[in-house]
Protein backbone atom coordinates (compact mmCIF):
# COMPACT_ATOMS: atom_id res chain seq x y z
CA UNK A 1 -73.25 -90.85 66.56
CA UNK A 2 -72.88 -92.03 70.11
CA UNK A 3 -70.36 -94.18 71.92
CA UNK A 4 -71.22 -96.76 74.54
CA UNK A 5 -70.01 -96.03 78.03
CA UNK A 6 -67.66 -98.65 79.39
CA UNK A 7 -66.86 -97.45 82.86
CA UNK A 8 -63.71 -99.23 84.03
CA UNK A 9 -64.06 -102.33 81.84
CA UNK A 10 -60.95 -101.59 79.79
CA UNK A 11 -58.82 -101.37 82.89
CA UNK A 12 -57.27 -98.04 81.85
CA UNK A 13 -59.13 -95.53 83.99
CA UNK A 14 -57.96 -95.18 87.53
CA UNK A 15 -54.37 -96.23 86.79
CA UNK A 16 -51.41 -93.96 87.42
CA UNK A 17 -50.44 -94.04 83.76
CA UNK A 18 -50.23 -90.58 82.17
CA UNK A 19 -51.70 -90.04 78.72
CA UNK A 20 -50.52 -86.43 78.56
CA UNK A 21 -47.36 -87.21 76.51
CA UNK A 22 -49.49 -89.00 73.92
CA UNK A 23 -51.89 -86.08 73.64
CA UNK A 24 -49.00 -83.63 73.44
CA UNK A 25 -47.31 -85.56 70.64
CA UNK A 26 -50.48 -85.83 68.57
CA UNK A 27 -51.27 -82.14 69.06
CA UNK A 28 -47.80 -80.86 68.21
CA UNK A 29 -47.29 -83.20 65.22
CA UNK A 30 -50.63 -82.49 63.60
CA UNK A 31 -51.14 -78.94 64.86
CA UNK A 32 -47.74 -77.76 63.68
CA UNK A 33 -48.27 -79.25 60.23
CA UNK A 34 -51.73 -77.70 59.95
CA UNK A 35 -50.42 -74.26 60.88
CA UNK A 36 -47.96 -74.44 57.98
CA UNK A 37 -50.57 -75.68 55.50
CA UNK A 38 -53.24 -73.35 56.88
CA UNK A 39 -50.89 -70.40 56.73
CA UNK A 40 -50.58 -70.73 52.98
CA UNK A 41 -54.28 -71.45 52.52
CA UNK A 42 -55.49 -68.59 54.73
CA UNK A 43 -55.65 -65.99 51.90
CA UNK A 44 -57.99 -68.33 50.02
CA UNK A 45 -60.22 -69.31 52.95
CA UNK A 46 -63.34 -67.40 54.04
CA UNK A 47 -62.38 -65.89 57.36
CA UNK A 48 -58.65 -66.28 56.71
CA UNK A 49 -56.73 -67.15 59.86
CA UNK A 50 -60.01 -67.46 61.74
CA UNK A 51 -60.88 -70.46 59.58
CA UNK A 52 -57.41 -71.89 60.19
CA UNK A 53 -57.95 -71.53 63.95
CA UNK A 54 -61.30 -73.33 63.67
CA UNK A 55 -59.61 -76.13 61.74
CA UNK A 56 -56.99 -76.40 64.46
CA UNK A 57 -59.68 -76.63 67.14
CA UNK A 58 -61.60 -79.28 65.19
CA UNK A 59 -58.36 -81.26 64.92
CA UNK A 60 -58.32 -81.71 68.70
CA UNK A 61 -61.58 -83.72 68.64
CA UNK A 62 -59.96 -87.00 67.50
CA UNK A 63 -57.24 -86.63 70.16
CA UNK A 64 -59.90 -86.17 72.82
CA UNK A 65 -61.85 -89.15 71.43
CA UNK A 66 -58.77 -91.38 71.49
CA UNK A 67 -57.88 -90.43 75.04
CA UNK A 68 -61.42 -91.09 76.26
CA UNK A 69 -61.21 -94.53 74.70
CA UNK A 70 -57.75 -95.29 76.08
CA UNK A 71 -58.87 -94.22 79.55
CA UNK A 72 -61.88 -96.53 79.40
CA UNK A 73 -64.41 -93.69 79.53
CA UNK A 74 -66.05 -94.56 76.20
CA UNK A 75 -65.90 -97.15 73.44
CA UNK A 76 -65.53 -95.58 69.98
CA UNK A 77 -68.28 -96.79 67.67
CA UNK A 78 -67.82 -97.75 64.02
CA UNK A 79 -69.05 -94.30 62.95
CA UNK A 80 -66.61 -92.58 65.29
CA UNK A 81 -63.70 -94.60 63.99
CA UNK A 82 -64.66 -94.08 60.35
CA UNK A 83 -65.67 -90.40 60.48
CA UNK A 84 -63.40 -89.02 63.20
CA UNK A 85 -60.47 -91.32 63.87
CA UNK A 86 -59.76 -92.49 60.32
CA UNK A 87 -59.45 -88.91 58.94
CA UNK A 88 -57.24 -88.20 61.93
CA UNK A 89 -54.86 -91.04 61.03
CA UNK A 90 -54.81 -89.92 57.39
CA UNK A 91 -53.95 -86.43 58.59
CA UNK A 92 -51.23 -87.75 60.91
CA UNK A 93 -49.59 -89.49 57.94
CA UNK A 94 -50.09 -86.99 55.14
CA UNK A 95 -50.34 -83.54 56.75
CA UNK A 96 -46.61 -83.36 57.59
CA UNK A 97 -45.82 -84.31 53.98
CA UNK A 98 -48.07 -81.53 52.73
CA UNK A 99 -46.41 -79.08 55.13
CA UNK A 100 -42.94 -80.06 53.92
CA UNK A 101 -44.02 -79.74 50.26
CA UNK A 102 -45.48 -76.30 51.00
CA UNK A 103 -42.27 -75.05 52.61
CA UNK A 104 -40.12 -76.43 49.79
CA UNK A 105 -42.35 -74.79 47.19
CA UNK A 106 -42.32 -71.48 49.06
CA UNK A 107 -38.54 -71.46 49.38
CA UNK A 108 -38.17 -72.38 45.72
CA UNK A 109 -40.39 -69.50 44.70
CA UNK A 110 -38.79 -66.99 47.07
CA UNK A 111 -35.98 -65.84 44.71
CA UNK A 112 -38.60 -65.13 42.06
CA UNK A 113 -40.96 -63.21 44.30
CA UNK A 114 -43.34 -66.14 44.48
CA UNK A 115 -43.05 -67.12 48.14
CA UNK A 116 -46.81 -67.44 48.70
CA UNK A 117 -47.74 -68.65 45.22
CA UNK A 118 -44.90 -71.20 45.18
CA UNK A 119 -46.05 -72.66 48.47
CA UNK A 120 -49.68 -72.92 47.34
CA UNK A 121 -48.71 -74.45 43.99
CA UNK A 122 -46.57 -77.07 45.73
CA UNK A 123 -49.35 -77.72 48.26
CA UNK A 124 -51.90 -78.31 45.50
CA UNK A 125 -49.58 -80.64 43.60
CA UNK A 126 -48.72 -82.59 46.73
CA UNK A 127 -52.40 -82.86 47.70
CA UNK A 128 -53.24 -84.37 44.31
CA UNK A 129 -50.42 -86.90 44.65
CA UNK A 130 -51.54 -87.75 48.19
CA UNK A 131 -55.11 -88.36 46.97
CA UNK A 132 -53.93 -90.75 44.24
CA UNK A 133 -51.58 -92.51 46.65
CA UNK A 134 -54.35 -92.92 49.23
CA UNK A 135 -56.65 -94.44 46.60
CA UNK A 136 -54.00 -96.90 45.42
CA UNK A 137 -53.23 -97.76 49.05
CA UNK A 138 -56.90 -98.41 49.77
CA UNK A 139 -57.13 -100.83 46.84
CA UNK A 140 -54.01 -102.61 48.09
CA UNK A 141 -55.53 -103.04 51.56
CA UNK A 142 -58.26 -105.21 49.99
CA UNK A 143 -55.92 -107.43 47.98
CA UNK A 144 -55.69 -110.59 50.09
CA UNK A 145 -52.77 -112.84 49.18
CA UNK A 146 -51.88 -116.40 50.15
CA UNK A 147 -48.18 -117.12 50.52
CA UNK A 148 -47.04 -120.76 50.50
CA UNK A 149 -43.71 -121.43 52.17
CA UNK A 150 -41.66 -124.58 52.67
CA UNK A 151 -39.79 -124.66 55.97
CA UNK A 152 -37.00 -127.20 56.40
CA UNK A 153 -36.06 -127.94 60.00
CA UNK A 154 -33.27 -130.36 60.93
CA UNK A 155 -34.86 -131.31 64.26
CA UNK A 156 -38.44 -131.73 63.06
CA UNK A 157 -39.70 -135.19 64.12
CA UNK A 158 -40.69 -137.48 61.26
CA UNK A 159 -44.29 -137.57 62.48
CA UNK A 160 -44.58 -133.83 61.79
CA UNK A 161 -43.02 -133.91 58.33
CA UNK A 162 -45.54 -132.27 56.01
CA UNK A 163 -47.38 -130.47 58.84
CA UNK A 164 -49.31 -127.49 57.53
CA UNK A 165 -49.16 -124.40 59.73
CA UNK A 166 -51.24 -121.33 58.83
CA UNK A 167 -50.23 -117.97 60.23
CA UNK A 168 -52.37 -114.86 60.33
CA UNK A 169 -51.28 -111.71 62.10
CA UNK A 170 -52.09 -108.07 62.85
CA UNK A 171 -55.79 -108.32 62.14
CA UNK A 172 -56.61 -105.17 64.17
CA UNK A 173 -60.30 -106.00 64.32
CA UNK A 174 -62.73 -103.28 65.38
CA UNK A 175 -66.31 -102.23 64.61
CA UNK A 176 -65.09 -100.35 61.54
CA UNK A 177 -63.41 -103.43 60.06
CA UNK A 178 -64.97 -104.92 56.93
CA UNK A 179 -66.81 -108.07 58.02
CA UNK A 180 -66.72 -109.34 54.45
CA UNK A 181 -62.94 -109.06 54.37
CA UNK A 182 -62.61 -110.85 57.72
CA UNK A 183 -64.85 -113.63 56.37
CA UNK A 184 -62.56 -113.94 53.34
CA UNK A 185 -59.54 -114.36 55.60
CA UNK A 186 -61.27 -116.99 57.74
CA UNK A 187 -62.38 -118.95 54.67
CA UNK A 188 -58.88 -118.89 53.19
CA UNK A 189 -57.41 -120.14 56.47
CA UNK A 190 -59.82 -123.07 56.71
CA UNK A 191 -59.53 -123.85 52.98
CA UNK A 192 -55.81 -124.47 53.54
CA UNK A 193 -56.77 -127.39 55.83
CA UNK A 194 -54.22 -126.46 58.50
CA UNK A 195 -52.92 -128.83 61.13
CA UNK A 196 -52.02 -125.86 63.31
CA UNK A 197 -53.03 -122.18 63.32
CA UNK A 198 -50.95 -119.33 64.76
CA UNK A 199 -52.39 -115.85 65.34
CA UNK A 200 -49.33 -113.79 66.08
CA UNK A 201 -50.64 -110.73 67.85
CA UNK A 202 -52.54 -107.46 67.42
CA UNK A 203 -55.87 -109.21 67.30
CA UNK A 204 -57.77 -106.02 68.23
CA UNK A 205 -57.82 -102.39 67.19
CA UNK A 206 -56.77 -100.69 70.44
CA UNK A 207 -59.87 -101.30 72.57
CA UNK A 208 -60.65 -104.30 74.77
CA UNK A 209 -64.24 -104.73 73.60
CA UNK A 210 -62.95 -105.28 70.07
CA UNK A 211 -62.07 -108.83 71.14
CA UNK A 212 -65.73 -109.83 70.83
CA UNK A 213 -65.70 -108.71 67.19
CA UNK A 214 -62.49 -110.67 66.68
CA UNK A 215 -64.15 -113.75 68.13
CA UNK A 216 -67.19 -113.26 65.91
CA UNK A 217 -64.93 -113.32 62.87
CA UNK A 218 -62.31 -115.88 63.87
CA UNK A 219 -63.60 -117.75 66.91
CA UNK A 220 -64.73 -120.66 64.73
CA UNK A 221 -61.26 -121.31 63.30
CA UNK A 222 -60.14 -124.84 64.06
CA UNK A 223 -57.23 -127.15 63.44
CA UNK A 224 -56.42 -130.67 64.71
CA UNK A 225 -53.44 -129.51 66.76
CA UNK A 226 -55.03 -126.28 67.95
CA UNK A 227 -55.37 -122.54 67.38
CA UNK A 228 -52.76 -120.52 69.29
CA UNK A 229 -52.30 -116.80 69.86
CA UNK A 230 -49.94 -114.37 71.58
CA UNK A 231 -50.18 -110.75 72.69
CA UNK A 232 -49.32 -107.93 70.35
CA UNK A 233 -48.61 -104.37 71.38
CA UNK A 234 -52.12 -103.21 70.45
CA UNK A 235 -53.64 -106.01 72.50
CA UNK A 236 -51.58 -104.70 75.42
CA UNK A 237 -52.67 -101.09 74.82
CA UNK A 238 -56.30 -102.19 74.61
CA UNK A 239 -56.20 -103.83 78.04
CA UNK A 240 -54.45 -107.17 77.99
CA UNK A 241 -56.36 -108.79 80.83
CA UNK A 242 -59.67 -108.33 79.02
CA UNK A 243 -58.28 -109.27 75.60
CA UNK A 244 -56.62 -112.39 77.02
CA UNK A 245 -59.83 -113.42 78.74
CA UNK A 246 -61.90 -112.88 75.59
CA UNK A 247 -59.58 -114.91 73.37
CA UNK A 248 -59.51 -117.77 75.87
CA UNK A 249 -63.30 -117.80 76.11
CA UNK A 250 -63.39 -118.36 72.33
CA UNK A 251 -61.30 -121.52 72.73
CA UNK A 252 -58.06 -120.00 71.45
CA UNK A 253 -54.97 -121.18 73.32
CA UNK A 254 -53.24 -118.01 74.45
CA UNK A 255 -49.58 -118.40 75.38
CA UNK A 256 -47.83 -115.75 77.47
CA UNK A 257 -44.23 -116.65 78.24
CA UNK A 258 -44.99 -120.35 78.21
CA UNK A 259 -44.66 -123.45 76.05
CA UNK A 260 -46.86 -126.50 75.55
CA UNK A 261 -46.55 -129.66 73.50
CA UNK A 262 -48.52 -130.93 70.53
CA UNK A 263 -48.32 -134.63 69.69
CA UNK A 264 -48.66 -136.78 66.61
CA UNK A 265 -48.00 -140.51 66.26
CA UNK A 266 -46.22 -140.66 69.59
CA UNK A 267 -43.83 -137.80 68.84
CA UNK A 268 -44.03 -134.27 70.17
CA UNK A 269 -43.27 -130.70 69.19
CA UNK A 270 -43.18 -127.67 71.47
CA UNK A 271 -45.26 -124.57 70.76
CA UNK A 272 -44.06 -121.49 72.65
CA UNK A 273 -45.48 -118.00 72.96
CA UNK A 274 -43.72 -114.93 74.33
CA UNK A 275 -45.07 -111.73 75.80
CA UNK A 276 -44.71 -108.43 73.98
CA UNK A 277 -42.19 -105.64 74.70
CA UNK A 278 -45.05 -103.13 75.02
CA UNK A 279 -45.84 -104.74 78.35
CA UNK A 280 -42.59 -103.42 79.80
CA UNK A 281 -43.81 -99.83 79.67
CA UNK A 282 -47.62 -100.08 79.53
CA UNK A 283 -49.27 -100.81 82.85
CA UNK A 284 -52.98 -100.04 82.26
CA UNK A 285 -55.30 -103.00 81.76
CA UNK A 286 -52.79 -105.57 82.98
CA UNK A 287 -50.18 -104.67 80.39
CA UNK A 288 -47.25 -105.50 82.67
CA UNK A 289 -48.41 -109.10 82.77
CA UNK A 290 -47.73 -109.38 79.04
CA UNK A 291 -44.08 -108.26 79.23
CA UNK A 292 -41.74 -110.80 77.58
CA UNK A 293 -39.65 -113.24 79.58
CA UNK A 294 -37.71 -115.54 77.26
CA UNK A 295 -36.25 -117.64 80.05
CA UNK A 296 -39.69 -118.35 81.46
CA UNK A 297 -41.08 -119.00 77.98
CA UNK A 298 -38.65 -121.87 77.42
CA UNK A 299 -38.25 -123.04 81.01
CA UNK A 300 -40.23 -126.27 80.48
CA UNK A 301 -38.61 -127.21 77.16
CA UNK A 302 -35.98 -129.96 77.50
CA UNK A 303 -32.67 -129.46 75.68
CA UNK A 304 -32.54 -130.51 72.03
CA UNK A 305 -36.30 -130.73 71.54
CA UNK A 306 -37.82 -128.83 68.57
CA UNK A 307 -39.70 -125.59 69.23
CA UNK A 308 -42.07 -123.46 67.18
CA UNK A 309 -42.35 -120.01 68.76
CA UNK A 310 -44.72 -117.10 68.37
CA UNK A 311 -43.32 -113.66 69.14
CA UNK A 312 -45.37 -110.73 67.86
CA UNK A 313 -42.38 -108.40 67.80
CA UNK A 314 -39.43 -109.82 65.83
CA UNK A 315 -37.02 -107.95 68.10
CA UNK A 316 -37.37 -110.97 70.41
CA UNK A 317 -36.04 -113.43 67.83
CA UNK A 318 -32.28 -113.10 68.53
CA UNK A 319 -32.86 -114.18 72.14
CA UNK A 320 -35.01 -117.09 70.98
CA UNK A 321 -32.46 -118.09 68.35
CA UNK A 322 -29.70 -117.99 70.93
CA UNK A 323 -31.67 -120.54 72.94
CA UNK A 324 -32.09 -122.87 69.97
CA UNK A 325 -35.70 -122.19 68.95
CA UNK A 326 -36.14 -123.79 65.53
CA UNK A 327 -38.78 -121.51 63.99
CA UNK A 328 -40.15 -118.18 65.18
CA UNK A 329 -43.19 -116.57 63.58
CA UNK A 330 -43.63 -112.83 64.10
CA UNK A 331 -45.63 -109.90 62.77
CA UNK A 332 -45.84 -106.34 64.10
CA UNK A 333 -43.98 -104.41 61.39
CA UNK A 334 -46.65 -104.55 58.63
CA UNK A 335 -43.59 -103.88 56.42
CA UNK A 336 -44.64 -100.27 57.02
CA UNK A 337 -47.65 -100.99 54.74
CA UNK A 338 -45.42 -99.62 51.97
CA UNK A 339 -42.67 -101.79 50.54
CA UNK A 340 -40.56 -102.71 47.54
CA UNK A 341 -39.99 -106.43 48.26
CA UNK A 342 -37.66 -106.95 45.29
CA UNK A 343 -35.30 -104.42 46.90
CA UNK A 344 -35.73 -105.89 50.36
CA UNK A 345 -36.98 -102.47 51.48
CA UNK A 346 -40.03 -101.31 53.38
CA UNK A 347 -41.09 -98.21 55.28
CA UNK A 348 -40.24 -100.14 58.44
CA UNK A 349 -36.67 -100.88 57.29
CA UNK A 350 -35.07 -97.56 58.37
CA UNK A 351 -36.37 -98.08 61.90
CA UNK A 352 -36.05 -101.83 62.45
CA UNK A 353 -33.21 -104.24 61.83
CA UNK A 354 -35.71 -107.09 61.50
CA UNK A 355 -38.39 -105.43 59.38
CA UNK A 356 -39.52 -107.93 56.77
CA UNK A 357 -39.07 -111.34 55.18
CA UNK A 358 -37.27 -114.40 56.51
CA UNK A 359 -34.04 -114.61 58.47
CA UNK A 360 -31.69 -117.33 59.64
CA UNK A 361 -29.13 -117.65 62.42
CA UNK A 362 -27.53 -121.08 62.49
CA UNK A 363 -30.35 -123.58 62.74
CA UNK A 364 -32.91 -120.98 63.86
CA UNK A 365 -35.40 -119.45 61.43
CA UNK A 366 -37.61 -116.35 61.56
CA UNK A 367 -40.53 -115.38 59.35
CA UNK A 368 -41.95 -111.87 59.70
CA UNK A 369 -45.55 -111.77 58.57
CA UNK A 370 -46.66 -108.52 56.83
CA UNK A 371 -50.06 -108.60 58.50
CA UNK A 372 -53.46 -109.85 57.39
CA UNK A 373 -55.21 -106.49 57.63
CA UNK A 374 -54.00 -102.93 58.28
CA UNK A 375 -53.75 -100.49 61.14
CA UNK A 376 -54.79 -96.85 61.20
CA UNK A 377 -55.78 -96.34 57.59
CA UNK A 378 -56.64 -98.81 54.81
CA UNK A 379 -53.36 -98.34 53.00
CA UNK A 380 -51.00 -100.93 51.48
CA UNK A 381 -48.68 -100.46 48.54
CA UNK A 382 -46.20 -103.15 47.48
CA UNK A 383 -47.12 -105.41 50.41
CA UNK A 384 -50.60 -106.80 50.76
CA UNK A 385 -52.70 -108.52 53.45
CA UNK A 386 -51.48 -112.08 53.78
CA UNK A 387 -52.40 -115.55 54.92
CA UNK A 388 -49.16 -117.53 55.24
CA UNK A 389 -49.30 -121.29 54.71
CA UNK A 390 -46.12 -122.93 55.94
CA UNK A 391 -45.43 -126.58 55.22
CA UNK A 392 -42.89 -128.00 57.68
CA UNK A 393 -40.36 -130.50 56.36
CA UNK A 394 -37.71 -132.53 58.07
CA UNK A 395 -34.41 -131.37 56.59
CA UNK A 396 -32.53 -134.20 54.93
CA UNK A 397 -29.22 -132.36 54.65
CA UNK A 398 -29.21 -130.89 58.16
CA UNK A 399 -29.75 -127.31 56.95
CA UNK A 400 -32.56 -125.02 58.03
CA UNK A 401 -34.31 -122.90 55.41
CA UNK A 402 -37.46 -121.02 54.45
CA UNK A 403 -38.37 -120.71 50.77
CA UNK A 404 -41.40 -120.03 48.62
CA UNK A 405 -43.21 -123.24 47.74
């Protein structure tokens, strides 16, 4: 299992950016959890605490692998991502939960003299639940859905009434990604016969060379009015200059803080694309060039003309709405990959005001896409990979709205 050497092609190595805080966070988060779990397992393990120490040392390998990739020293292969990084992401998610369950079980058993046994019993029960949850989540990550939405816009020119816009988002393509699943997404997009296609960020899975795999899967997408894309935070982390260049070479129109027009029957509609907030703090690989600038994004748009905007992170929508953008399409949140839509709740909801669904402010609309793939681990419960098909309608009553078709 070898990784190809990249040298400086990702643009990360040689910058002044420090990866030490990232490594420290990963090590403390996962290492601390493992020490709790390992502490209760040590009486059952050959070698006791020695085995726990070995497990702790092995746990540093994925951190080292990630940092080498982020620094542009190596490009993680499919095997590396499946056999080293994917278990790491599972551990990052579930190990703290196992540690908490162990401590709760131990404290519960303490009054009855079962401090050790209570912790191990709780750990075993939690591990079984985690295994079932992971399996259900994996099945959900393969359940591609097509959502049809009607969007009514008061300012939509008559020539664009009935326009079909297909949005895909957060594809996170890498060498470990199922090619068959990507082919399914591409076929569904083209089967919708879109007039316009938006790819709203996070095209790649953290590494610049992933853009070639993205192009292999989606470079042939076409629509009469064009295929447009914007930067997502993972595109920025991967090395935005290289990702931007790769997307453009595939014929995708990449918008970074700019707007262009599309025309039909002598009437026009503006398509705008913002940068991503990750660019404000991430300098390697040209990340600063992808920082959002709403004023510059809309600088060429005359007053009172309709605008469709792409903004990967929905946190940018209030500023766009304030400036009269009619419809903004976002992604980013994945709805936490765990959601109860009927309650309007997702794992992202406690952390983000704009976490899921559609929103309205005056005549401005926002749709937050749940993502067409997954990030980290193949895990989705309650919210599944999506291709959104939006049919734009000229509002007859002057009201803006988004509703299921």
